[in-house]
Amino acid sequence: MLNLSLDFTQNSSALVSGYLDEGDNPTLAKGGAFGIREGTNVELGNARLFSNIPGSYSITVYSANGGSLKEASGVSGAAIPYTLTLGGKESPARNGSFSFSHSGVSTREGAALKVGLAISRIPAYATRGYYVDNLLFAVAAN
């Protein structure tokens, strides 16, 4: 049995939103969104993984925007790429999803894995505004 639960959403999908501000004093948060800056590492919350499978399994996180935060209004078409972290492991998006490999049986309570994202660079064409992505988390035995 494999079970993955997230403490930052009610189900297996999550809306991620950030705000890009221009100027010398970037906004850290606006309307529940995190501040987007180069070098930003954002902790989304924890995933709790329960496994009674001694072998290996994969956690796949599907991104609606292919691993980028896209400008919410869609006017500019700007996209800011990011990498996803899960339990201290980092994954770039490949074919629109992030993949993490794990193995072994967990404790009865399951293993807590911190989930976050990292933005290393912001494209020059990205303009001020809200940027979003939808993530869907799935776990499967290999």
C-alpha atoms as a PDB file:
ATOM      1  CA  MET A   1       0.000   0.000   0.000  1.00  0.00           C
ATOM      2  CA  LEU A   2       1.200   3.485  -0.880  1.00  0.00           C
ATOM      3  CA  ASN A   3      -0.474   6.635   0.374  1.00  0.00           C
ATOM      4  CA  LEU A   4       0.613  10.236  -0.125  1.00  0.00           C
ATOM      5  CA  SER A   5      -1.122  13.096   1.697  1.00  0.00           C
ATOM      6  CA  LEU A   6      -0.351  16.812   1.576  1.00  0.00           C
ATOM      7  CA  ASP A   7      -0.778  19.258   4.458  1.00  0.00           C
ATOM      8  CA  PHE A   8      -1.006  22.304   2.164  1.00  0.00           C
ATOM      9  CA  THR A   9      -4.075  21.243   0.174  1.00  0.00           C
ATOM     10  CA  GLN A  10      -7.269  19.253   0.698  1.00  0.00           C
ATOM     11  CA  ASN A  11      -6.551  16.739  -2.067  1.00  0.00           C
ATOM     12  CA  SER A  12      -3.699  15.622  -4.306  1.00  0.00           C
ATOM     13  CA  SER A  13      -3.588  18.846  -6.313  1.00  0.00           C
ATOM     14  CA  ALA A  14      -2.265  22.248  -5.308  1.00  0.00           C
ATOM     15  CA  LEU A  15      -2.412  25.753  -6.750  1.00  0.00           C
ATOM     16  CA  VAL A  16       0.943  27.524  -6.459  1.00  0.00           C
ATOM     17  CA  SER A  17       0.908  31.309  -6.794  1.00  0.00           C
ATOM     18  CA  GLY A  18       3.586  33.956  -6.623  1.00  0.00           C
ATOM     19  CA  TYR A  19       3.775  37.684  -7.179  1.00  0.00           C
ATOM     20  CA  LEU A  20       6.534  39.350  -9.187  1.00  0.00           C
ATOM     21  CA  ASP A  21       7.091  42.965  -8.195  1.00  0.00           C
ATOM     22  CA  GLU A  22       9.372  45.397  -9.948  1.00  0.00           C
ATOM     23  CA  GLY A  23      11.635  47.821  -8.158  1.00  0.00           C
ATOM     24  CA  ASP A  24      14.205  47.813  -5.415  1.00  0.00           C
ATOM     25  CA  ASN A  25      11.927  46.545  -2.641  1.00  0.00           C
ATOM     26  CA  PRO A  26      10.176  43.369  -3.860  1.00  0.00           C
ATOM     27  CA  THR A  27       6.915  42.402  -2.236  1.00  0.00           C
ATOM     28  CA  LEU A  28       7.322  39.340  -0.012  1.00  0.00           C
ATOM     29  CA  ALA A  29       3.668  38.358  -0.103  1.00  0.00           C
ATOM     30  CA  LYS A  30       0.535  39.723  -1.704  1.00  0.00           C
ATOM     31  CA  GLY A  31      -2.896  38.135  -1.473  1.00  0.00           C
ATOM     32  CA  GLY A  32      -1.498  34.826  -0.178  1.00  0.00           C
ATOM     33  CA  ALA A  33       1.104  34.586  -2.934  1.00  0.00           C
ATOM     34  CA  PHE A  34       4.826  34.326  -2.222  1.00  0.00           C
ATOM     35  CA  GLY A  35       7.282  36.928  -3.498  1.00  0.00           C
ATOM     36  CA  ILE A  36       9.083  35.881  -6.672  1.00  0.00           C
ATOM     37  CA  ARG A  37      12.759  36.801  -6.829  1.00  0.00           C
ATOM     38  CA  GLU A  38      15.824  35.176  -8.329  1.00  0.00           C
ATOM     39  CA  GLY A  39      17.207  32.706  -5.826  1.00  0.00           C
ATOM     40  CA  THR A  40      13.830  32.284  -4.101  1.00  0.00           C
ATOM     41  CA  ASN A  41      13.221  29.018  -2.243  1.00  0.00           C
ATOM     42  CA  VAL A  42       9.609  28.627  -1.173  1.00  0.00           C
ATOM     43  CA  GLU A  43       8.386  25.971   1.244  1.00  0.00           C
ATOM     44  CA  LEU A  44       4.885  24.851   0.248  1.00  0.00           C
ATOM     45  CA  GLY A  45       4.326  22.429   3.132  1.00  0.00           C
ATOM     46  CA  ASN A  46       4.764  18.735   3.856  1.00  0.00           C
ATOM     47  CA  ALA A  47       3.865  15.559   2.036  1.00  0.00           C
ATOM     48  CA  ARG A  48       3.372  12.516   4.267  1.00  0.00           C
ATOM     49  CA  LEU A  49       4.174   9.226   2.590  1.00  0.00           C
ATOM     50  CA  PHE A  50       3.059   5.868   3.957  1.00  0.00           C
ATOM     51  CA  SER A  51       4.521   2.739   2.336  1.00  0.00           C
ATOM     52  CA  ASN A  52       4.403  -0.926   3.245  1.00  0.00           C
ATOM     53  CA  ILE A  53       6.231  -1.822   0.013  1.00  0.00           C
ATOM     54  CA  PRO A  54       9.848  -2.917   0.568  1.00  0.00           C
ATOM     55  CA  GLY A  55      10.759  -2.144  -3.052  1.00  0.00           C
ATOM     56  CA  SER A  56      10.996   1.118  -4.956  1.00  0.00           C
ATOM     57  CA  TYR A  57       8.258   3.544  -5.900  1.00  0.00           C
ATOM     58  CA  SER A  58       7.994   6.885  -7.645  1.00  0.00           C
ATOM     59  CA  ILE A  59       6.333  10.132  -6.754  1.00  0.00           C
ATOM     60  CA  THR A  60       5.389  12.091  -9.860  1.00  0.00           C
ATOM     61  CA  VAL A  61       4.206  15.684  -9.690  1.00  0.00           C
ATOM     62  CA  TYR A  62       2.434  16.837 -12.841  1.00  0.00           C
ATOM     63  CA  SER A  63       2.619  20.553 -13.674  1.00  0.00           C
ATOM     64  CA  ALA A  64      -0.178  22.187 -15.676  1.00  0.00           C
ATOM     65  CA  ASN A  65       2.381  24.685 -17.007  1.00  0.00           C
ATOM     66  CA  GLY A  66       5.225  22.288 -17.708  1.00  0.00           C
ATOM     67  CA  GLY A  67       7.308  23.323 -14.686  1.00  0.00           C
ATOM     68  CA  SER A  68       6.815  27.076 -14.962  1.00  0.00           C
ATOM     69  CA  LEU A  69       4.817  29.703 -13.158  1.00  0.00           C
ATOM     70  CA  LYS A  70       2.784  31.448 -15.858  1.00  0.00           C
ATOM     71  CA  GLU A  71       1.402  34.954 -15.717  1.00  0.00           C
ATOM     72  CA  ALA A  72      -2.166  34.465 -14.423  1.00  0.00           C
ATOM     73  CA  SER A  73      -3.991  36.863 -16.750  1.00  0.00           C
ATOM     74  CA  GLY A  74      -2.373  35.293 -19.810  1.00  0.00           C
ATOM     75  CA  VAL A  75      -1.866  38.726 -21.356  1.00  0.00           C
ATOM     76  CA  SER A  76       1.932  38.725 -21.424  1.00  0.00           C
ATOM     77  CA  GLY A  77       2.449  34.976 -21.850  1.00  0.00           C
ATOM     78  CA  ALA A  78       5.425  35.227 -19.489  1.00  0.00           C
ATOM     79  CA  ALA A  79       6.640  32.045 -17.756  1.00  0.00           C
ATOM     80  CA  ILE A  80       9.113  31.629 -14.888  1.00  0.00           C
ATOM     81  CA  PRO A  81      10.722  28.155 -14.716  1.00  0.00           C
ATOM     82  CA  TYR A  82      11.315  26.474 -11.348  1.00  0.00           C
ATOM     83  CA  THR A  83      12.542  23.225  -9.845  1.00  0.00           C
ATOM     84  CA  LEU A  84      10.562  21.245  -7.278  1.00  0.00           C
ATOM     85  CA  THR A  85      11.993  19.825  -4.071  1.00  0.00           C
ATOM     86  CA  LEU A  86      10.615  16.857  -2.146  1.00  0.00           C
ATOM     87  CA  GLY A  87      12.242  15.505   0.990  1.00  0.00           C
ATOM     88  CA  GLY A  88      15.510  17.295   0.247  1.00  0.00           C
ATOM     89  CA  LYS A  89      15.701  15.987  -3.334  1.00  0.00           C
ATOM     90  CA  GLU A  90      15.485  18.432  -6.228  1.00  0.00           C
ATOM     91  CA  SER A  91      13.962  17.746  -9.637  1.00  0.00           C
ATOM     92  CA  PRO A  92      13.735  19.895 -12.762  1.00  0.00           C
ATOM     93  CA  ALA A  93      10.632  19.460 -14.901  1.00  0.00           C
ATOM     94  CA  ARG A  94      10.896  16.855 -17.653  1.00  0.00           C
ATOM     95  CA  ASN A  95       8.053  16.517 -20.141  1.00  0.00           C
ATOM     96  CA  GLY A  96       5.816  18.598 -17.878  1.00  0.00           C
ATOM     97  CA  SER A  97       6.372  16.682 -14.643  1.00  0.00           C
ATOM     98  CA  PHE A  98       8.775  16.282 -11.739  1.00  0.00           C
ATOM     99  CA  SER A  99       9.873  12.787 -10.674  1.00  0.00           C
ATOM    100  CA  PHE A 100      11.243  11.485  -7.375  1.00  0.00           C
ATOM    101  CA  SER A 101      12.311   7.922  -6.523  1.00  0.00           C
ATOM    102  CA  HIS A 102      12.006   6.390  -3.064  1.00  0.00           C
ATOM    103  CA  SER A 103      12.074   2.899  -1.601  1.00  0.00           C
ATOM    104  CA  GLY A 104      11.292   0.982   1.536  1.00  0.00           C
ATOM    105  CA  VAL A 105       8.689   0.611   4.214  1.00  0.00           C
ATOM    106  CA  SER A 106       7.782   3.702   6.249  1.00  0.00           C
ATOM    107  CA  THR A 107       6.768   3.976   9.875  1.00  0.00           C
ATOM    108  CA  ARG A 108       3.082   3.662  10.770  1.00  0.00           C
ATOM    109  CA  GLU A 109       2.770   7.467  10.725  1.00  0.00           C
ATOM    110  CA  GLY A 110       4.509   7.727   7.370  1.00  0.00           C
ATOM    111  CA  ALA A 111       7.526   9.772   6.414  1.00  0.00           C
ATOM    112  CA  ALA A 112       7.190  13.580   6.338  1.00  0.00           C
ATOM    113  CA  LEU A 113       8.780  15.119   3.241  1.00  0.00           C
ATOM    114  CA  LYS A 114       9.123  18.896   2.856  1.00  0.00           C
ATOM    115  CA  VAL A 115       7.786  20.186  -0.467  1.00  0.00           C
ATOM    116  CA  GLY A 116       9.081  23.381  -2.009  1.00  0.00           C
ATOM    117  CA  LEU A 117      10.093  25.124  -5.181  1.00  0.00           C
ATOM    118  CA  ALA A 118      13.201  27.017  -6.211  1.00  0.00           C
ATOM    119  CA  ILE A 119      13.447  29.819  -8.748  1.00  0.00           C
ATOM    120  CA  SER A 120      16.981  30.321  -9.997  1.00  0.00           C
ATOM    121  CA  ARG A 121      16.332  32.922 -12.688  1.00  0.00           C
ATOM    122  CA  ILE A 122      13.594  35.228 -13.887  1.00  0.00           C
ATOM    123  CA  PRO A 123      13.386  35.829 -17.637  1.00  0.00           C
ATOM    124  CA  ALA A 124      13.938  39.452 -18.691  1.00  0.00           C
ATOM    125  CA  TYR A 125      10.508  39.568 -20.387  1.00  0.00           C
ATOM    126  CA  ALA A 126       8.620  38.651 -17.176  1.00  0.00           C
ATOM    127  CA  THR A 127       6.467  41.559 -16.045  1.00  0.00           C
ATOM    128  CA  ARG A 128       4.969  42.521 -12.701  1.00  0.00           C
ATOM    129  CA  GLY A 129       1.966  40.446 -11.657  1.00  0.00           C
ATOM    130  CA  TYR A 130       0.642  37.124 -10.383  1.00  0.00           C
ATOM    131  CA  TYR A 131       2.120  33.852 -11.648  1.00  0.00           C
ATOM    132  CA  VAL A 132       0.506  30.459 -11.061  1.00  0.00           C
ATOM    133  CA  ASP A 133       0.813  26.732 -11.658  1.00  0.00           C
ATOM    134  CA  ASN A 134      -1.345  23.761 -10.725  1.00  0.00           C
ATOM    135  CA  LEU A 135       0.388  20.651  -9.398  1.00  0.00           C
ATOM    136  CA  LEU A 136      -1.015  17.125  -9.201  1.00  0.00           C
ATOM    137  CA  PHE A 137       0.798  14.620  -6.937  1.00  0.00           C
ATOM    138  CA  ALA A 138       0.746  10.869  -7.629  1.00  0.00           C
ATOM    139  CA  VAL A 139       2.600   7.884  -6.171  1.00  0.00           C
ATOM    140  CA  ALA A 140       3.043   4.439  -7.752  1.00  0.00           C
ATOM    141  CA  ALA A 141       5.105   1.294  -7.208  1.00  0.00           C
ATOM    142  CA  ASN A 142       7.826   0.655  -9.792  1.00  0.00           C
END
